[in-house]
Structure formats: C-alpha cells, structure tokens
Amino acid sequence: MARALIKVPPTAKRGEVIEIRTLISHPMETGYRPGADGQVLPRNIIRRFSCRYNGELVFGAELHPAIAANPNIVFHTVATESGTLSFTWEGDQGFSQTESVAITVSA
C-alpha cells in the first residue's frame, strides 16, 4: 500500500473556499527503462485521481506517463456541509487506494 498525505482544514465556514493538498508515495515506473536484465520494466503509474465530497465528485484528474513519481495534487472546493472527503488513486497493475478525511462546516 502506498503512503498518502492529505491536508484538509478540519473546520470551515459554509461557503468558504478551502484548499486541499494530497501527495501519494508510489513506486512509479515509466515503462521505458530497462531493468538489470536488459528487459523493459513494466509501466506502473497512477492513472486516475478523484475526490468526492459526501459522495459527489468535486475534482478528478487523468494522469499520464510524465506524472511525477510521488504526485502532489492541489485543488480548491467550496465547503458546503459537514461530512467526508474521500480520495481515490487508481493505477496500473490493479493499484487502487482510497483515503477519507472528515470536515466540520459551521454556519
């Protein structure tokens, strides 16, 4: 399992724009480098990232081979109600990881 770091403010006011930062440590491989035996190493990258706020998709990205080894993704959304932000990373070789963070929204 990859190590994910997520930074979300624990509280916000309704209507406030909040910044969300995610970073995942993942053993990335481009699929172009030769291994010790001279054979090309199979590609192993994160292909998709999504964030759902109480089940509703608020941010999504399709990633390509030029993505960094440990992708740092920063985006903004509007705090509408208390609940859960759910983050999912999907990649090659069946990789999938989901993490969740709670947020409390006040009036």
N, C-alpha and C. Protein backbone atom coordinates (compact mmCIF):
# COMPACT_ATOMS: atom_id res chain seq x y z
N MET A 1 0.85 -1.18 0.00
CA MET A 1 0.00 0.00 0.00
C MET A 1 0.89 1.24 0.00
N ALA A 2 0.50 2.24 -0.77
CA ALA A 2 1.23 3.49 -0.86
C ALA A 2 0.89 4.37 0.34
N ARG A 3 1.78 5.28 0.64
CA ARG A 3 1.56 6.20 1.77
C ARG A 3 0.97 7.50 1.22
N ALA A 4 -0.20 7.87 1.71
CA ALA A 4 -0.88 9.09 1.27
C ALA A 4 -0.84 10.14 2.37
N LEU A 5 -0.53 11.36 1.98
CA LEU A 5 -0.59 12.51 2.88
C LEU A 5 -1.68 13.43 2.36
N ILE A 6 -2.61 13.81 3.24
CA ILE A 6 -3.73 14.65 2.85
C ILE A 6 -3.83 15.81 3.82
N LYS A 7 -3.93 17.02 3.28
CA LYS A 7 -4.08 18.21 4.12
C LYS A 7 -5.39 18.91 3.76
N VAL A 8 -6.34 18.83 4.70
CA VAL A 8 -7.66 19.45 4.57
C VAL A 8 -7.91 20.19 5.87
N PRO A 9 -8.42 21.42 5.83
CA PRO A 9 -8.73 22.08 7.09
C PRO A 9 -9.81 21.29 7.84
N PRO A 10 -9.65 21.05 9.15
CA PRO A 10 -10.64 20.27 9.89
C PRO A 10 -11.99 20.98 10.03
N THR A 11 -11.97 22.32 9.98
CA THR A 11 -13.21 23.09 10.08
C THR A 11 -13.20 24.19 9.03
N ALA A 12 -14.40 24.61 8.63
CA ALA A 12 -14.55 25.71 7.68
C ALA A 12 -15.93 26.31 7.86
N LYS A 13 -16.12 27.52 7.34
CA LYS A 13 -17.44 28.15 7.36
C LYS A 13 -18.14 27.83 6.05
N ARG A 14 -19.45 27.67 6.12
CA ARG A 14 -20.24 27.37 4.93
C ARG A 14 -19.98 28.43 3.85
N GLY A 15 -19.68 27.98 2.64
CA GLY A 15 -19.39 28.89 1.53
C GLY A 15 -17.93 29.26 1.39
N GLU A 16 -17.11 28.89 2.35
CA GLU A 16 -15.68 29.21 2.31
C GLU A 16 -14.98 28.31 1.28
N VAL A 17 -14.06 28.90 0.53
CA VAL A 17 -13.24 28.13 -0.41
C VAL A 17 -12.08 27.54 0.38
N ILE A 18 -11.93 26.23 0.31
CA ILE A 18 -10.85 25.57 1.06
C ILE A 18 -9.85 24.95 0.09
N GLU A 19 -8.60 24.94 0.53
CA GLU A 19 -7.53 24.34 -0.26
C GLU A 19 -7.31 22.91 0.22
N ILE A 20 -7.17 22.00 -0.71
CA ILE A 20 -6.93 20.59 -0.40
C ILE A 20 -5.63 20.18 -1.06
N ARG A 21 -4.75 19.56 -0.28
CA ARG A 21 -3.45 19.10 -0.79
C ARG A 21 -3.33 17.61 -0.57
N THR A 22 -2.92 16.89 -1.60
CA THR A 22 -2.69 15.46 -1.47
C THR A 22 -1.34 15.11 -2.07
N LEU A 23 -0.70 14.13 -1.48
CA LEU A 23 0.55 13.61 -2.00
C LEU A 23 0.54 12.11 -1.73
N ILE A 24 0.88 11.33 -2.71
CA ILE A 24 0.94 9.90 -2.50
C ILE A 24 2.31 9.39 -2.92
N SER A 25 2.89 8.58 -2.07
CA SER A 25 4.18 7.97 -2.32
C SER A 25 3.91 6.62 -2.98
N HIS A 26 4.34 6.48 -4.23
CA HIS A 26 4.02 5.29 -5.00
C HIS A 26 5.24 4.91 -5.84
N PRO A 27 5.58 3.63 -5.92
CA PRO A 27 6.75 3.22 -6.72
C PRO A 27 6.46 3.31 -8.22
N MET A 28 6.65 4.48 -8.78
CA MET A 28 6.31 4.71 -10.18
C MET A 28 7.38 4.15 -11.12
N GLU A 29 6.93 3.68 -12.26
CA GLU A 29 7.83 3.20 -13.32
C GLU A 29 7.23 3.60 -14.65
N THR A 30 8.03 4.24 -15.51
CA THR A 30 7.52 4.79 -16.77
C THR A 30 7.18 3.73 -17.80
N GLY A 31 7.82 2.58 -17.74
CA GLY A 31 7.62 1.56 -18.76
C GLY A 31 8.60 1.69 -19.90
N TYR A 32 9.57 2.60 -19.77
CA TYR A 32 10.56 2.83 -20.81
C TYR A 32 11.98 2.42 -20.38
N ARG A 33 12.19 2.26 -19.08
CA ARG A 33 13.55 1.96 -18.58
C ARG A 33 13.84 0.46 -18.61
N PRO A 34 15.07 0.11 -18.96
CA PRO A 34 15.44 -1.30 -18.88
C PRO A 34 15.83 -1.67 -17.44
N GLY A 35 15.52 -2.91 -17.07
CA GLY A 35 15.90 -3.41 -15.76
C GLY A 35 17.31 -3.98 -15.80
N ALA A 36 17.74 -4.61 -14.72
CA ALA A 36 19.08 -5.19 -14.62
C ALA A 36 19.31 -6.26 -15.67
N ASP A 37 18.23 -6.93 -16.09
CA ASP A 37 18.36 -8.00 -17.08
C ASP A 37 18.26 -7.49 -18.52
N GLY A 38 18.13 -6.17 -18.70
CA GLY A 38 18.04 -5.58 -20.02
C GLY A 38 16.62 -5.50 -20.56
N GLN A 39 15.67 -6.16 -19.91
CA GLN A 39 14.27 -6.12 -20.34
C GLN A 39 13.62 -4.84 -19.82
N VAL A 40 12.70 -4.30 -20.60
CA VAL A 40 11.99 -3.09 -20.18
C VAL A 40 11.11 -3.41 -18.98
N LEU A 41 11.22 -2.58 -17.94
CA LEU A 41 10.39 -2.75 -16.74
C LEU A 41 8.94 -2.39 -17.08
N PRO A 42 7.98 -3.14 -16.59
CA PRO A 42 6.58 -2.83 -16.91
C PRO A 42 6.15 -1.49 -16.30
N ARG A 43 5.31 -0.77 -17.03
CA ARG A 43 4.82 0.52 -16.54
C ARG A 43 4.02 0.33 -15.26
N ASN A 44 4.19 1.25 -14.34
CA ASN A 44 3.46 1.23 -13.07
C ASN A 44 3.26 2.68 -12.63
N ILE A 45 2.20 3.29 -13.12
CA ILE A 45 1.92 4.69 -12.77
C ILE A 45 0.52 4.81 -12.21
N ILE A 46 0.28 5.92 -11.53
CA ILE A 46 -1.07 6.26 -11.09
C ILE A 46 -1.77 6.88 -12.29
N ARG A 47 -2.92 6.35 -12.66
CA ARG A 47 -3.63 6.78 -13.86
C ARG A 47 -4.76 7.76 -13.58
N ARG A 48 -5.41 7.61 -12.43
CA ARG A 48 -6.57 8.46 -12.12
C ARG A 48 -6.55 8.88 -10.66
N PHE A 49 -7.04 10.08 -10.43
CA PHE A 49 -7.23 10.59 -9.07
C PHE A 49 -8.62 11.20 -9.02
N SER A 50 -9.34 10.97 -7.92
CA SER A 50 -10.64 11.63 -7.76
C SER A 50 -10.87 11.97 -6.29
N CYS A 51 -11.65 13.02 -6.08
CA CYS A 51 -12.04 13.42 -4.74
C CYS A 51 -13.55 13.58 -4.74
N ARG A 52 -14.19 12.94 -3.77
CA ARG A 52 -15.64 13.04 -3.59
C ARG A 52 -15.93 13.69 -2.24
N TYR A 53 -16.86 14.62 -2.24
CA TYR A 53 -17.28 15.34 -1.04
C TYR A 53 -18.69 14.85 -0.74
N ASN A 54 -18.84 14.07 0.32
CA ASN A 54 -20.12 13.44 0.65
C ASN A 54 -20.71 12.70 -0.54
N GLY A 55 -19.85 12.00 -1.27
CA GLY A 55 -20.29 11.18 -2.40
C GLY A 55 -20.34 11.88 -3.74
N GLU A 56 -20.25 13.21 -3.77
CA GLU A 56 -20.31 13.96 -5.02
C GLU A 56 -18.90 14.27 -5.51
N LEU A 57 -18.61 13.97 -6.76
CA LEU A 57 -17.30 14.24 -7.34
C LEU A 57 -17.06 15.74 -7.40
N VAL A 58 -15.98 16.22 -6.75
CA VAL A 58 -15.63 17.64 -6.78
C VAL A 58 -14.34 17.90 -7.54
N PHE A 59 -13.53 16.84 -7.74
CA PHE A 59 -12.29 17.00 -8.50
C PHE A 59 -11.87 15.64 -9.03
N GLY A 60 -11.41 15.63 -10.27
CA GLY A 60 -10.90 14.40 -10.88
C GLY A 60 -9.79 14.74 -11.85
N ALA A 61 -8.85 13.83 -12.01
CA ALA A 61 -7.75 14.05 -12.94
C ALA A 61 -7.34 12.71 -13.54
N GLU A 62 -7.04 12.74 -14.83
CA GLU A 62 -6.47 11.59 -15.51
C GLU A 62 -4.99 11.89 -15.66
N LEU A 63 -4.14 10.99 -15.18
CA LEU A 63 -2.70 11.22 -15.17
C LEU A 63 -2.03 10.38 -16.26
N HIS A 64 -0.89 10.84 -16.75
CA HIS A 64 -0.20 10.21 -17.88
C HIS A 64 1.25 9.90 -17.51
N PRO A 65 1.99 9.19 -18.37
CA PRO A 65 3.34 8.75 -18.03
C PRO A 65 4.30 9.84 -17.56
N ALA A 66 4.10 11.08 -17.88
CA ALA A 66 5.01 12.14 -17.46
C ALA A 66 4.75 12.60 -16.02
N ILE A 67 3.80 11.97 -15.32
CA ILE A 67 3.48 12.36 -13.95
C ILE A 67 4.67 12.10 -13.02
N ALA A 68 4.82 12.92 -12.00
CA ALA A 68 5.91 12.75 -11.04
C ALA A 68 5.77 11.43 -10.29
N ALA A 69 6.88 10.95 -9.75
CA ALA A 69 6.89 9.68 -9.01
C ALA A 69 5.98 9.73 -7.79
N ASN A 70 5.91 10.84 -7.11
CA ASN A 70 5.05 10.99 -5.94
C ASN A 70 4.15 12.21 -6.19
N PRO A 71 3.05 12.02 -6.93
CA PRO A 71 2.25 13.16 -7.37
C PRO A 71 1.65 13.98 -6.22
N ASN A 72 1.90 15.28 -6.30
CA ASN A 72 1.35 16.26 -5.36
C ASN A 72 0.22 16.96 -6.09
N ILE A 73 -1.00 16.79 -5.62
CA ILE A 73 -2.17 17.38 -6.29
C ILE A 73 -2.80 18.38 -5.33
N VAL A 74 -2.98 19.62 -5.81
CA VAL A 74 -3.56 20.69 -5.01
C VAL A 74 -4.76 21.25 -5.77
N PHE A 75 -5.88 21.40 -5.08
CA PHE A 75 -7.08 21.96 -5.70
C PHE A 75 -7.93 22.62 -4.62
N HIS A 76 -8.98 23.30 -5.05
CA HIS A 76 -9.88 24.02 -4.14
C HIS A 76 -11.31 23.55 -4.35
N THR A 77 -12.10 23.65 -3.29
CA THR A 77 -13.53 23.39 -3.38
C THR A 77 -14.24 24.29 -2.36
N VAL A 78 -15.54 24.34 -2.43
CA VAL A 78 -16.32 25.16 -1.51
C VAL A 78 -16.88 24.27 -0.40
N ALA A 79 -16.70 24.69 0.84
CA ALA A 79 -17.24 23.95 1.99
C ALA A 79 -18.75 24.19 2.03
N THR A 80 -19.52 23.12 1.85
CA THR A 80 -20.98 23.27 1.82
C THR A 80 -21.66 22.69 3.04
N GLU A 81 -21.12 21.57 3.54
CA GLU A 81 -21.73 20.91 4.71
C GLU A 81 -20.70 20.00 5.35
N SER A 82 -20.92 19.68 6.61
CA SER A 82 -20.04 18.74 7.30
C SER A 82 -20.14 17.38 6.64
N GLY A 83 -19.04 16.66 6.66
CA GLY A 83 -19.06 15.34 6.05
C GLY A 83 -17.67 14.79 5.83
N THR A 84 -17.56 14.05 4.74
CA THR A 84 -16.32 13.33 4.45
C THR A 84 -15.83 13.63 3.04
N LEU A 85 -14.54 13.85 2.95
CA LEU A 85 -13.88 13.95 1.65
C LEU A 85 -13.18 12.61 1.43
N SER A 86 -13.47 11.99 0.32
CA SER A 86 -12.91 10.67 0.01
C SER A 86 -12.01 10.80 -1.22
N PHE A 87 -10.77 10.34 -1.10
CA PHE A 87 -9.76 10.47 -2.14
C PHE A 87 -9.42 9.08 -2.68
N THR A 88 -9.41 8.93 -4.00
CA THR A 88 -9.09 7.64 -4.60
C THR A 88 -8.02 7.81 -5.67
N TRP A 89 -6.99 6.99 -5.56
CA TRP A 89 -5.93 6.90 -6.56
C TRP A 89 -6.04 5.53 -7.21
N GLU A 90 -6.00 5.49 -8.56
CA GLU A 90 -6.05 4.22 -9.29
C GLU A 90 -4.89 4.19 -10.27
N GLY A 91 -4.32 3.00 -10.46
CA GLY A 91 -3.17 2.92 -11.35
C GLY A 91 -3.04 1.58 -12.04
N ASP A 92 -1.89 1.42 -12.67
CA ASP A 92 -1.58 0.19 -13.38
C ASP A 92 -1.42 -0.96 -12.40
N GLN A 93 -1.43 -2.15 -12.93
CA GLN A 93 -1.22 -3.37 -12.16
C GLN A 93 -2.22 -3.54 -11.02
N GLY A 94 -3.44 -3.02 -11.22
CA GLY A 94 -4.52 -3.19 -10.25
C GLY A 94 -4.42 -2.31 -9.03
N PHE A 95 -3.54 -1.30 -9.04
CA PHE A 95 -3.38 -0.43 -7.88
C PHE A 95 -4.63 0.42 -7.66
N SER A 96 -5.10 0.46 -6.42
CA SER A 96 -6.21 1.32 -6.03
C SER A 96 -6.11 1.59 -4.53
N GLN A 97 -6.22 2.85 -4.16
CA GLN A 97 -6.17 3.21 -2.75
C GLN A 97 -7.14 4.35 -2.49
N THR A 98 -7.89 4.22 -1.41
CA THR A 98 -8.86 5.25 -1.02
C THR A 98 -8.60 5.65 0.41
N GLU A 99 -8.59 6.96 0.65
CA GLU A 99 -8.43 7.52 1.99
C GLU A 99 -9.55 8.52 2.20
N SER A 100 -9.96 8.72 3.46
CA SER A 100 -11.04 9.66 3.77
C SER A 100 -10.63 10.59 4.89
N VAL A 101 -11.15 11.83 4.83
CA VAL A 101 -10.90 12.84 5.86
C VAL A 101 -12.23 13.53 6.16
N ALA A 102 -12.49 13.76 7.44
CA ALA A 102 -13.72 14.43 7.85
C ALA A 102 -13.50 15.95 7.89
N ILE A 103 -14.57 16.70 7.61
CA ILE A 103 -14.54 18.15 7.72
C ILE A 103 -15.83 18.59 8.42
N THR A 104 -15.70 19.56 9.31
CA THR A 104 -16.86 20.12 10.02
C THR A 104 -17.10 21.52 9.48
N VAL A 105 -18.31 21.76 8.99
CA VAL A 105 -18.66 23.05 8.41
C VAL A 105 -19.69 23.72 9.32
N SER A 106 -19.39 24.99 9.67
CA SER A 106 -20.31 25.75 10.53
C SER A 106 -20.97 26.86 9.71
N ALA A 107 -22.09 27.34 10.24
CA ALA A 107 -22.85 28.37 9.53
C ALA A 107 -22.22 29.72 9.57
